[in-house]
């Protein structure tokens, strides 16, 4: 063969794949983004999908990029956005005569509407997809799409409790899959077997159910979401048979897949069965843990179902479907008690926090008044002396009821008025911060006796001596914290020393008794008020 002819044949052989690669480049980028990039770098996958839509020159390329965005949002659990993109793709494809893509998008919408609980909308797209699938010219693709759409119809009937119809549609799907000569269909065939296992389980035919689960298991790879449903089904059968050991084995396998899966349906089913398992073996603590997990998955599904703001008007499932899909009475009771307790705790702590904040604001408002307008006492009188019994070594003297009665009869009105004026002058100073402050010390400073002083404080300050001094000290330090920012930077021990307390702990105890806040919490609140 001449040398030139060989070169020509070589160039021809290499040019065809290169041309084909260039021709299918858009499709290759879409496929790579969906399969590879979405798992490694999801934000980059979204950017690629947007770029593909902008770069698309043909209507079909726009459709493909919209479907890619829909699949990515579906993968992240944003079903509203996923459906919006699918609907846009459907609007475009209906303007084109491409039955293959019309069937594909119809099946995608049917699946998405099913997963948000809109069964009738799902069925509408199943019917539309089946009609389009019959017009697909390629036998392989026609049979594949018809099989998948029959699967979707089976899901629809299972939700309604029409198990006989569901079995019929699953068998149709298997017949279509048998006509496809491809190893890639193992997963879709396994999904049909898993569905049959679920249906026969609901019909209480456990041997037949297990046989179909086993068929599905042989076709699936480790970690598959469908395999998780298979293990959960096998675990459910063992629960019904009260074979606790084997039930635990299968449910552990199912849980391992569920914990790493994005499928809320799988999580809900697995956590429900594990809850039943622990109830069966008498472990109420672990049963309650999985009851909470079940409720979270259930609530997530409910929230997802309401994301479009559309009421599902489909028919309710029959009694058997309801019974199998609900927790037993004990489980529901445990969940209700758990939630009521949680709500009660939240309300309690929020109410307490609100009261504390209200009290603190009142303190701050009082402190921010001009000095001439301030009342001597910024705190309400406490008739039960809630903090009077706190041990502080610097004020130790006690007064008795007998002393009060005696002083009441001996003290003249002029002496009482004079002593009250002296106390008001005392409050305007800082002498109360003296660490050696005591009843006898103050009596000496005011040139009176302890009995008279004790009587006036009790009668006019609505407190005993210890409470009175503690209030003045905390009043002083609160004023400093509000009006002098540098005090907020001091350590608590320095603040304690500043107002006459001998230790950090005594100061903190009295401060909290007066304000309902610890010193550090009070300082944080002041800083937050300032920033606001």
Protein backbone atom coordinates (compact mmCIF):
# COMPACT_ATOMS: atom_id res chain seq x y z
CA UNK A 1 0.00 0.00 0.00
CA UNK A 2 1.46 3.43 -0.97
CA UNK A 3 2.78 5.56 1.84
CA UNK A 4 0.47 8.50 1.00
CA UNK A 5 -2.58 6.25 1.18
CA UNK A 6 -1.56 5.04 4.64
CA UNK A 7 -1.16 8.62 5.84
CA UNK A 8 -4.58 9.53 4.43
CA UNK A 9 -6.27 6.59 6.16
CA UNK A 10 -4.56 7.47 9.44
CA UNK A 11 -5.72 11.09 9.26
CA UNK A 12 -9.24 9.97 8.37
CA UNK A 13 -9.33 7.53 11.31
CA UNK A 14 -8.19 10.19 13.78
CA UNK A 15 -10.30 13.02 12.33
CA UNK A 16 -13.63 11.25 12.86
CA UNK A 17 -13.28 10.87 16.68
CA UNK A 18 -11.96 14.44 16.95
CA UNK A 19 -14.93 15.75 14.98
CA UNK A 20 -17.33 13.67 17.07
CA UNK A 21 -15.70 14.93 20.28
CA UNK A 22 -16.10 18.52 19.13
CA UNK A 23 -19.68 17.90 18.17
CA UNK A 24 -20.57 16.36 21.57
CA UNK A 25 -18.49 18.74 23.66
CA UNK A 26 -21.54 20.53 25.15
CA UNK A 27 -23.06 17.21 26.19
CA UNK A 28 -19.75 16.02 27.65
CA UNK A 29 -19.42 19.15 29.81
CA UNK A 30 -22.98 18.71 31.07
CA UNK A 31 -22.38 15.07 31.92
CA UNK A 32 -19.06 15.74 33.63
CA UNK A 33 -20.57 18.58 35.67
CA UNK A 34 -23.46 16.37 36.76
CA UNK A 35 -21.41 13.28 37.59
CA UNK A 36 -18.02 14.59 38.73
CA UNK A 37 -17.98 18.34 39.48
CA UNK A 38 -21.20 18.32 41.53
CA UNK A 39 -19.62 15.87 44.00
CA UNK A 40 -16.26 17.63 44.22
CA UNK A 41 -17.18 21.32 43.97
CA UNK A 42 -20.90 22.10 43.99
CA UNK A 43 -20.57 25.93 43.67
CA UNK A 44 -18.39 25.40 40.60
CA UNK A 45 -21.01 23.03 39.15
CA UNK A 46 -23.68 25.76 39.47
CA UNK A 47 -21.39 28.29 37.78
CA UNK A 48 -20.74 25.84 34.94
CA UNK A 49 -24.47 25.23 34.47
CA UNK A 50 -25.13 29.00 34.27
CA UNK A 51 -22.26 29.45 31.82
CA UNK A 52 -23.58 26.64 29.63
CA UNK A 53 -27.00 28.27 29.47
CA UNK A 54 -25.46 31.61 28.45
CA UNK A 55 -23.22 29.93 25.86
CA UNK A 56 -25.99 27.71 24.44
CA UNK A 57 -26.77 28.51 20.79
CA UNK A 58 -29.35 25.81 20.09
CA UNK A 59 -32.69 25.37 21.88
CA UNK A 60 -31.75 21.80 22.86
CA UNK A 61 -28.54 23.05 24.46
CA UNK A 62 -30.57 25.49 26.57
CA UNK A 63 -32.87 22.63 27.56
CA UNK A 64 -29.88 20.51 28.57
CA UNK A 65 -28.36 23.30 30.68
CA UNK A 66 -31.72 23.92 32.41
CA UNK A 67 -32.00 20.23 33.23
CA UNK A 68 -28.46 20.28 34.61
CA UNK A 69 -29.37 23.18 36.94
CA UNK A 70 -32.54 21.37 37.97
CA UNK A 71 -30.60 18.20 38.82
CA UNK A 72 -28.05 20.19 40.84
CA UNK A 73 -30.75 21.95 42.89
CA UNK A 74 -32.53 18.65 43.37
CA UNK A 75 -29.27 17.17 44.65
CA UNK A 76 -28.94 19.97 47.24
CA UNK A 77 -32.55 19.59 48.38
CA UNK A 78 -33.81 22.90 46.94
CA UNK A 79 -36.84 21.34 45.30
CA UNK A 80 -38.67 24.57 44.50
CA UNK A 81 -35.79 25.82 42.35
CA UNK A 82 -35.31 22.35 40.84
CA UNK A 83 -38.95 22.23 39.72
CA UNK A 84 -38.78 25.78 38.33
CA UNK A 85 -35.83 24.87 36.11
CA UNK A 86 -37.52 21.63 35.01
CA UNK A 87 -40.73 23.50 34.14
CA UNK A 88 -38.72 26.00 32.07
CA UNK A 89 -37.03 23.14 30.25
CA UNK A 90 -40.43 21.52 29.65
CA UNK A 91 -41.80 24.77 28.19
CA UNK A 92 -38.89 24.92 25.74
CA UNK A 93 -39.03 21.27 24.72
CA UNK A 94 -42.78 21.37 23.98
CA UNK A 95 -41.95 23.87 21.22
CA UNK A 96 -39.65 21.31 19.61
CA UNK A 97 -40.45 17.94 18.08
CA UNK A 98 -38.12 15.91 20.31
CA UNK A 99 -40.06 13.10 21.97
CA UNK A 100 -37.01 11.62 23.68
CA UNK A 101 -36.28 14.79 25.67
CA UNK A 102 -39.98 15.43 26.27
CA UNK A 103 -40.28 11.98 27.86
CA UNK A 104 -37.11 12.57 29.90
CA UNK A 105 -38.25 15.94 31.29
CA UNK A 106 -41.76 14.63 31.97
CA UNK A 107 -40.29 11.78 33.98
CA UNK A 108 -38.01 14.21 35.88
CA UNK A 109 -40.96 16.46 36.77
CA UNK A 110 -43.05 13.44 37.76
CA UNK A 111 -40.31 12.34 40.15
CA UNK A 112 -39.80 15.82 41.61
CA UNK A 113 -43.51 16.45 42.18
CA UNK A 114 -43.82 13.01 43.78
CA UNK A 115 -41.01 13.79 46.18
CA UNK A 116 -42.70 17.01 47.35
CA UNK A 117 -46.01 15.18 47.81
CA UNK A 118 -47.92 16.55 44.80
CA UNK A 119 -49.06 13.16 43.52
CA UNK A 120 -51.68 14.30 40.99
CA UNK A 121 -49.23 16.65 39.30
CA UNK A 122 -46.75 13.79 39.24
CA UNK A 123 -49.28 11.52 37.53
CA UNK A 124 -50.03 14.18 34.90
CA UNK A 125 -46.40 14.20 33.82
CA UNK A 126 -46.18 10.39 33.94
CA UNK A 127 -49.02 10.14 31.41
CA UNK A 128 -47.44 12.81 29.23
CA UNK A 129 -44.08 11.04 29.41
CA UNK A 130 -45.57 7.64 28.49
CA UNK A 131 -47.22 9.15 25.44
CA UNK A 132 -43.92 10.69 24.36
CA UNK A 133 -41.93 7.51 25.04
CA UNK A 134 -44.01 5.53 22.51
CA UNK A 135 -42.86 7.95 19.79
CA UNK A 136 -39.12 7.56 20.48
CA UNK A 137 -37.50 5.99 17.41
CA UNK A 138 -34.52 4.35 19.16
CA UNK A 139 -35.78 1.00 20.64
CA UNK A 140 -33.21 1.04 23.46
CA UNK A 141 -34.15 4.52 24.64
CA UNK A 142 -37.87 3.88 24.09
CA UNK A 143 -37.83 0.77 26.31
CA UNK A 144 -35.67 2.42 28.96
CA UNK A 145 -37.92 5.47 29.27
CA UNK A 146 -41.10 3.38 29.24
CA UNK A 147 -39.67 1.21 32.04
CA UNK A 148 -38.77 4.24 34.18
CA UNK A 149 -42.17 5.87 33.67
CA UNK A 150 -43.94 2.63 34.66
CA UNK A 151 -41.85 2.68 37.82
CA UNK A 152 -43.12 6.19 38.52
CA UNK A 153 -46.70 5.04 38.00
CA UNK A 154 -46.04 2.26 40.54
CA UNK A 155 -44.85 4.86 43.08
CA UNK A 156 -48.07 6.77 42.50
CA UNK A 157 -50.26 3.73 43.19
CA UNK A 158 -48.22 2.73 46.24
CA UNK A 159 -48.87 6.16 47.73
CA UNK A 160 -52.59 5.60 47.19
CA UNK A 161 -52.45 2.08 48.62
CA UNK A 162 -53.37 0.49 45.26
CA UNK A 163 -50.86 -2.33 45.64
CA UNK A 164 -52.31 -4.59 42.94
CA UNK A 165 -51.97 -1.84 40.34
CA UNK A 166 -48.49 -1.03 41.63
CA UNK A 167 -47.35 -4.64 41.14
CA UNK A 168 -48.71 -4.60 37.59
CA UNK A 169 -46.80 -1.41 36.69
CA UNK A 170 -43.57 -2.73 38.23
CA UNK A 171 -43.87 -5.92 36.18
CA UNK A 172 -44.38 -3.77 33.07
CA UNK A 173 -41.19 -1.87 33.91
CA UNK A 174 -39.22 -5.13 34.24
CA UNK A 175 -40.46 -6.30 30.85
CA UNK A 176 -39.27 -3.08 29.24
CA UNK A 177 -35.88 -3.35 30.97
CA UNK A 178 -35.46 -6.92 29.71
CA UNK A 179 -35.46 -5.60 26.13
CA UNK A 180 -32.45 -3.40 26.82
CA UNK A 181 -29.04 -4.92 26.12
CA UNK A 182 -27.00 -2.88 28.59
CA UNK A 183 -25.31 -3.52 31.92
CA UNK A 184 -26.11 0.04 32.99
CA UNK A 185 -29.71 -0.95 33.67
CA UNK A 186 -28.83 -3.00 36.77
CA UNK A 187 -29.70 -0.10 39.08
CA UNK A 188 -33.09 0.58 37.47
CA UNK A 189 -33.96 -3.14 37.51
CA UNK A 190 -32.88 -3.29 41.17
CA UNK A 191 -35.19 -0.36 41.91
CA UNK A 192 -38.12 -2.32 40.48
CA UNK A 193 -37.24 -5.39 42.59
CA UNK A 194 -36.89 -3.20 45.69
CA UNK A 195 -40.32 -1.70 44.99
CA UNK A 196 -41.83 -5.17 44.66
CA UNK A 197 -40.22 -6.07 47.97
CA UNK A 198 -41.87 -3.03 49.58
CA UNK A 199 -45.29 -3.83 48.12
CA UNK A 200 -45.28 -7.47 49.24
CA UNK A 201 -44.05 -6.36 52.67
CA UNK A 202 -47.08 -4.08 52.95
CA UNK A 203 -49.23 -7.06 51.93
CA UNK A 204 -47.61 -9.08 54.78
CA UNK A 205 -46.20 -11.64 52.31
CA UNK A 206 -42.72 -11.70 53.86
CA UNK A 207 -41.18 -14.67 51.95
CA UNK A 208 -42.02 -13.14 48.56
CA UNK A 209 -40.93 -9.71 49.80
CA UNK A 210 -37.53 -11.06 50.89
CA UNK A 211 -37.01 -12.86 47.58
CA UNK A 212 -37.35 -9.58 45.68
CA UNK A 213 -35.11 -7.75 48.16
CA UNK A 214 -32.44 -10.41 47.57
CA UNK A 215 -32.70 -9.97 43.81
CA UNK A 216 -32.22 -6.23 44.19
CA UNK A 217 -29.27 -6.72 46.59
CA UNK A 218 -27.35 -8.77 44.01
CA UNK A 219 -27.56 -5.97 41.44
CA UNK A 220 -26.53 -3.07 43.66
CA UNK A 221 -23.20 -1.61 44.67
CA UNK A 222 -22.29 -0.81 48.26
CA UNK A 223 -23.48 2.59 49.46
CA UNK A 224 -26.39 2.91 47.05
CA UNK A 225 -29.52 4.62 48.39
CA UNK A 226 -31.65 1.78 46.95
CA UNK A 227 -29.44 -0.72 48.79
CA UNK A 228 -30.18 1.19 52.00
CA UNK A 229 -33.91 0.71 51.34
CA UNK A 230 -33.29 -3.00 50.65
CA UNK A 231 -31.44 -3.50 53.96
CA UNK A 232 -34.15 -1.54 55.74
CA UNK A 233 -36.79 -3.81 54.17
CA UNK A 234 -34.91 -6.95 55.23
CA UNK A 235 -34.56 -5.48 58.73
CA UNK A 236 -38.29 -4.76 58.77
CA UNK A 237 -39.08 -8.37 57.91
CA UNK A 238 -36.87 -9.57 60.78
CA UNK A 239 -38.66 -7.16 63.13
CA UNK A 240 -41.99 -8.70 62.18
CA UNK A 241 -40.48 -12.14 62.83
CA UNK A 242 -38.98 -10.88 66.14
CA UNK A 243 -35.57 -12.05 64.99
CA UNK A 244 -33.79 -9.24 66.85
CA UNK A 245 -30.24 -10.30 66.07
CA UNK A 246 -30.66 -10.33 62.29
CA UNK A 247 -32.86 -7.24 62.44
CA UNK A 248 -30.05 -5.32 64.15
CA UNK A 249 -27.54 -6.53 61.54
CA UNK A 250 -29.59 -5.29 58.56
CA UNK A 251 -30.71 -2.06 60.22
CA UNK A 252 -27.11 -1.14 61.09
CA UNK A 253 -26.22 -1.54 57.41
CA UNK A 254 -29.21 0.57 56.42
CA UNK A 255 -28.35 3.26 58.98
CA UNK A 256 -24.78 3.51 57.71
CA UNK A 257 -26.08 4.33 54.23
CA UNK A 258 -28.87 6.61 55.52
CA UNK A 259 -26.52 8.74 57.63
CA UNK A 260 -24.42 9.61 54.57
CA UNK A 261 -27.36 9.94 52.18
CA UNK A 262 -29.33 13.05 51.22
CA UNK A 263 -32.51 11.00 50.90
CA UNK A 264 -34.98 12.04 53.61
CA UNK A 265 -37.23 9.18 52.56
CA UNK A 266 -34.47 6.69 53.38
CA UNK A 267 -33.65 8.38 56.70
CA UNK A 268 -37.30 8.43 57.75
CA UNK A 269 -37.84 4.76 56.92
CA UNK A 270 -34.61 3.58 58.59
CA UNK A 271 -35.00 5.64 61.79
CA UNK A 272 -38.59 4.45 62.16
CA UNK A 273 -37.52 0.78 61.95
CA UNK A 274 -34.59 1.27 64.33
CA UNK A 275 -36.98 2.94 66.79
CA UNK A 276 -39.24 -0.13 66.53
CA UNK A 277 -36.23 -2.39 67.07
CA UNK A 278 -35.19 -0.70 70.33
CA UNK A 279 -38.79 -0.69 71.54
CA UNK A 280 -38.88 -4.41 70.77
CA UNK A 281 -35.75 -5.15 72.81
CA UNK A 282 -36.87 -2.86 75.65
CA UNK A 283 -34.26 -0.09 75.29
CA UNK A 284 -36.53 2.93 75.80
CA UNK A 285 -33.68 5.45 75.89
CA UNK A 286 -32.32 4.57 72.45
CA UNK A 287 -35.86 4.20 71.14
CA UNK A 288 -36.55 7.81 72.12
CA UNK A 289 -33.34 8.99 70.41
CA UNK A 290 -34.40 7.43 67.11
CA UNK A 291 -37.93 8.72 67.58
CA UNK A 292 -36.45 12.23 67.60
CA UNK A 293 -34.40 11.45 64.48
CA UNK A 294 -37.54 10.16 62.80
CA UNK A 295 -39.45 13.32 63.68
CA UNK A 296 -36.69 15.51 62.26
CA UNK A 297 -36.71 13.63 58.97
CA UNK A 298 -40.52 13.68 58.94
CA UNK A 299 -40.62 17.43 59.62
CA UNK A 300 -38.03 18.05 56.88
CA UNK A 301 -40.19 16.15 54.42
CA UNK A 302 -43.29 18.05 55.53
CA UNK A 303 -41.47 21.38 55.11
CA UNK A 304 -40.29 20.31 51.68
CA UNK A 305 -43.81 19.29 50.69
CA UNK A 306 -45.10 22.77 51.57
CA UNK A 307 -42.31 24.63 49.80
CA UNK A 308 -44.45 25.40 46.74
CA UNK A 309 -47.39 26.62 48.82
CA UNK A 310 -49.81 24.34 46.96
CA UNK A 311 -52.29 22.01 48.66
CA UNK A 312 -52.15 18.40 47.61
CA UNK A 313 -55.67 17.44 46.62
CA UNK A 314 -55.03 13.79 46.00
CA UNK A 315 -57.07 11.01 47.59
CA UNK A 316 -56.02 9.74 51.00
CA UNK A 317 -54.36 6.37 51.26
CA UNK A 318 -56.35 3.41 52.50
CA UNK A 319 -56.28 2.11 56.04
CA UNK A 320 -53.47 -0.34 55.43
CA UNK A 321 -51.30 2.37 53.91
CA UNK A 322 -51.97 4.67 56.84
CA UNK A 323 -51.29 1.99 59.39
CA UNK A 324 -47.95 0.99 57.92
CA UNK A 325 -46.83 4.61 57.54
CA UNK A 326 -47.50 5.69 61.15
CA UNK A 327 -45.68 5.20 64.41
CA UNK A 328 -47.44 3.20 67.10
CA UNK A 329 -49.24 4.94 69.96
CA UNK A 330 -46.39 4.62 72.43
CA UNK A 331 -43.98 6.22 69.99
CA UNK A 332 -46.31 9.15 69.32
CA UNK A 333 -46.84 9.67 73.06
CA UNK A 334 -43.09 9.74 73.69
CA UNK A 335 -42.56 12.26 70.90
CA UNK A 336 -45.37 14.52 72.13
CA UNK A 337 -44.01 14.50 75.70
CA UNK A 338 -40.52 15.23 74.38
CA UNK A 339 -41.69 18.22 72.36
CA UNK A 340 -43.90 19.61 75.13
CA UNK A 341 -40.94 19.44 77.54
CA UNK A 342 -38.68 21.17 75.04
CA UNK A 343 -41.20 23.95 74.34
CA UNK A 344 -41.77 24.39 78.08
CA UNK A 345 -38.05 24.81 78.74
CA UNK A 346 -37.69 27.33 75.91
CA UNK A 347 -40.64 29.38 77.19
CA UNK A 348 -39.29 29.27 80.77
CA UNK A 349 -35.81 30.49 79.85
CA UNK A 350 -37.09 33.16 77.46
CA UNK A 351 -39.51 34.50 80.08
CA UNK A 352 -36.75 34.59 82.68
CA UNK A 353 -34.39 36.30 80.26
CA UNK A 354 -37.05 38.87 79.35
CA UNK A 355 -37.65 39.71 83.02
CA UNK A 356 -33.94 40.10 83.64
CA UNK A 357 -33.53 42.39 80.63
CA UNK A 358 -36.50 44.50 81.74
CA UNK A 359 -35.05 44.89 85.21
CA UNK A 360 -31.66 45.77 83.82
CA UNK A 361 -33.11 48.43 81.51
CA UNK A 362 -34.90 50.01 84.47
CA UNK A 363 -31.61 50.12 86.38
CA UNK A 364 -29.84 51.74 83.43
CA UNK A 365 -32.59 54.33 82.92
CA UNK A 366 -32.47 55.25 86.59
CA UNK A 367 -28.70 55.60 86.54
CA UNK A 368 -28.76 57.81 83.44
CA UNK A 369 -30.96 60.45 85.15
CA UNK A 370 -29.21 63.60 86.37
CA UNK A 371 -27.85 63.27 89.91
CA UNK A 372 -30.27 65.85 91.25
CA UNK A 373 -33.25 63.85 90.01
CA UNK A 374 -32.08 60.51 91.36
CA UNK A 375 -33.72 58.89 94.25
CA UNK A 376 -31.32 57.61 96.82
CA UNK A 377 -32.55 54.07 96.27
CA UNK A 378 -32.52 52.74 92.73
CA UNK A 379 -33.77 49.32 93.78
CA UNK A 380 -37.20 48.36 94.98
CA UNK A 381 -37.48 47.70 98.71
CA UNK A 382 -37.27 44.03 99.48
CA UNK A 383 -39.52 43.07 102.37
CA UNK A 384 -38.10 39.56 102.53
CA UNK A 385 -34.49 40.85 102.35
CA UNK A 386 -33.53 38.40 99.60
CA UNK A 387 -29.83 39.24 99.82
CA UNK A 388 -29.56 40.51 103.39
CA UNK A 389 -28.34 37.15 104.67
CA UNK A 390 -25.39 36.96 102.31
CA UNK A 391 -22.29 36.67 104.46
CA UNK A 392 -20.05 39.71 104.18
CA UNK A 393 -17.39 39.98 106.88
CA UNK A 394 -17.25 43.78 106.88
CA UNK A 395 -20.81 44.24 108.21
CA UNK A 396 -21.51 41.95 111.14
CA UNK A 397 -23.66 43.75 113.69
CA UNK A 398 -27.29 42.74 114.14
CA UNK A 399 -30.25 44.67 115.47
CA UNK A 400 -33.27 43.25 117.24
CA UNK A 401 -36.97 43.97 117.26
CA UNK A 402 -36.69 44.94 120.94
CA UNK A 403 -34.13 47.60 120.04
CA UNK A 404 -36.43 49.00 117.38
CA UNK A 405 -39.35 49.32 119.78
CA UNK A 406 -37.19 50.93 122.47
CA UNK A 407 -35.65 53.42 120.05
CA UNK A 408 -39.09 54.28 118.74
CA UNK A 409 -40.16 55.42 122.22
CA UNK A 410 -36.94 57.21 123.20
CA UNK A 411 -35.92 59.06 120.00
CA UNK A 412 -37.36 62.53 119.47
CA UNK A 413 -38.68 63.64 116.10
CA UNK A 414 -35.89 66.25 115.80
CA UNK A 415 -33.19 63.63 116.41
CA UNK A 416 -34.75 61.30 113.83
CA UNK A 417 -34.95 64.06 111.19
CA UNK A 418 -31.37 65.16 111.83
CA UNK A 419 -30.11 61.59 111.56
CA UNK A 420 -32.00 61.10 108.30
CA UNK A 421 -30.35 64.23 106.84
CA UNK A 422 -26.94 62.92 107.89
CA UNK A 423 -27.67 59.61 106.14
CA UNK A 424 -28.58 61.46 102.95
CA UNK A 425 -25.24 63.29 103.04
CA UNK A 426 -23.53 59.94 103.73
CA UNK A 427 -25.16 58.42 100.62
CA UNK A 428 -23.83 61.23 98.41
CA UNK A 429 -20.27 60.41 99.38
CA UNK A 430 -18.22 57.21 99.10
CA UNK A 431 -17.65 56.33 102.73
CA UNK A 432 -19.85 53.22 102.37
CA UNK A 433 -17.10 51.72 100.18
CA UNK A 434 -14.77 51.60 103.19
CA UNK A 435 -13.85 47.96 103.87
CA UNK A 436 -14.09 48.59 107.61
CA UNK A 437 -17.69 49.77 107.35
CA UNK A 438 -19.91 48.55 110.19
CA UNK A 439 -22.92 49.76 112.15
CA UNK A 440 -20.76 51.00 115.04
CA UNK A 441 -18.28 52.65 112.65
CA UNK A 442 -21.04 54.59 110.87
CA UNK A 443 -22.70 55.52 114.16
CA UNK A 444 -19.40 57.03 115.30
CA UNK A 445 -19.05 58.96 112.02
CA UNK A 446 -22.56 60.38 112.39
CA UNK A 447 -22.12 61.13 116.13
CA UNK A 448 -25.01 58.93 117.23
CA UNK A 449 -25.53 55.51 118.77
CA UNK A 450 -26.08 52.19 116.99
CA UNK A 451 -29.64 51.82 118.26
CA UNK A 452 -30.83 55.11 116.79
CA UNK A 453 -28.96 54.49 113.51
CA UNK A 454 -30.37 50.99 113.16
CA UNK A 455 -33.91 52.23 113.79
CA UNK A 456 -33.72 55.04 111.17
CA UNK A 457 -32.29 52.71 108.52
CA UNK A 458 -34.99 50.12 109.13
CA UNK A 459 -37.81 52.67 109.18
CA UNK A 460 -36.76 54.95 106.32
CA UNK A 461 -34.58 52.79 104.07
CA UNK A 462 -36.77 49.67 104.21
CA UNK A 463 -33.76 47.46 104.90
CA UNK A 464 -31.45 46.31 107.65
CA UNK A 465 -27.94 47.72 107.86
CA UNK A 466 -26.26 45.02 105.76
CA UNK A 467 -28.80 45.28 102.94
CA UNK A 468 -28.60 49.08 103.02
CA UNK A 469 -24.79 49.15 102.63
CA UNK A 470 -24.82 46.46 99.95
CA UNK A 471 -27.34 48.44 97.93
CA UNK A 472 -25.27 51.61 98.15
CA UNK A 473 -22.13 49.77 97.03
CA UNK A 474 -23.80 48.06 94.07
CA UNK A 475 -25.54 51.35 93.21
CA UNK A 476 -22.12 53.02 93.13
CA UNK A 477 -20.45 50.40 90.93
CA UNK A 478 -23.43 50.21 88.53
CA UNK A 479 -23.22 53.99 88.10
CA UNK A 480 -19.51 53.70 87.30
CA UNK A 481 -20.07 50.89 84.79
CA UNK A 482 -22.77 52.89 82.97
CA UNK A 483 -21.07 56.27 82.89
CA UNK A 484 -17.37 55.40 82.77
CA UNK A 485 -16.39 52.91 80.07
CA UNK A 486 -12.97 52.22 81.55
CA UNK A 487 -14.67 50.41 84.46
CA UNK A 488 -15.99 47.82 82.00
CA UNK A 489 -12.41 46.89 81.19
CA UNK A 490 -11.49 46.16 84.83
CA UNK A 491 -11.34 42.68 86.28
CA UNK A 492 -14.19 41.72 88.58
CA UNK A 493 -11.80 41.53 91.55
CA UNK A 494 -10.82 45.18 90.98
CA UNK A 495 -14.48 46.23 90.85
CA UNK A 496 -15.09 44.32 94.09
CA UNK A 497 -12.21 46.10 95.81
CA UNK A 498 -13.36 49.47 94.45
CA UNK A 499 -16.69 49.28 96.26
CA UNK A 500 -15.42 47.77 99.50
CA UNK A 501 -15.95 44.00 99.14
CA UNK A 502 -13.19 41.80 100.48
CA UNK A 503 -13.47 39.14 97.76
CA UNK A 504 -14.55 38.54 94.18
CA UNK A 505 -17.07 35.86 95.21
CA UNK A 506 -18.86 38.03 97.82
CA UNK A 507 -19.13 40.91 95.37
CA UNK A 508 -20.48 38.65 92.60
CA UNK A 509 -23.06 37.10 94.95
CA UNK A 510 -24.38 40.47 96.15
CA UNK A 511 -24.31 41.95 92.62
CA UNK A 512 -26.43 39.10 91.25
CA UNK A 513 -28.81 39.26 94.21
CA UNK A 514 -29.43 42.96 93.50
CA UNK A 515 -29.50 43.01 89.68
CA UNK A 516 -30.32 39.37 88.74
CA UNK A 517 -27.16 39.49 86.58
CA UNK A 518 -23.62 38.43 87.21
CA UNK A 519 -21.10 41.31 86.89
CA UNK A 520 -19.67 39.92 83.63
CA UNK A 521 -23.14 39.44 82.08
CA UNK A 522 -24.09 42.96 83.11
CA UNK A 523 -20.99 44.43 81.46
CA UNK A 524 -21.68 42.48 78.24
CA UNK A 525 -25.22 43.78 78.21
CA UNK A 526 -24.04 47.37 78.61
CA UNK A 527 -21.58 46.95 75.74
CA UNK A 528 -24.35 45.52 73.57
CA UNK A 529 -26.67 48.41 74.45
CA UNK A 530 -23.97 50.88 73.49
CA UNK A 531 -23.29 49.22 70.13
CA UNK A 532 -27.03 49.20 69.36
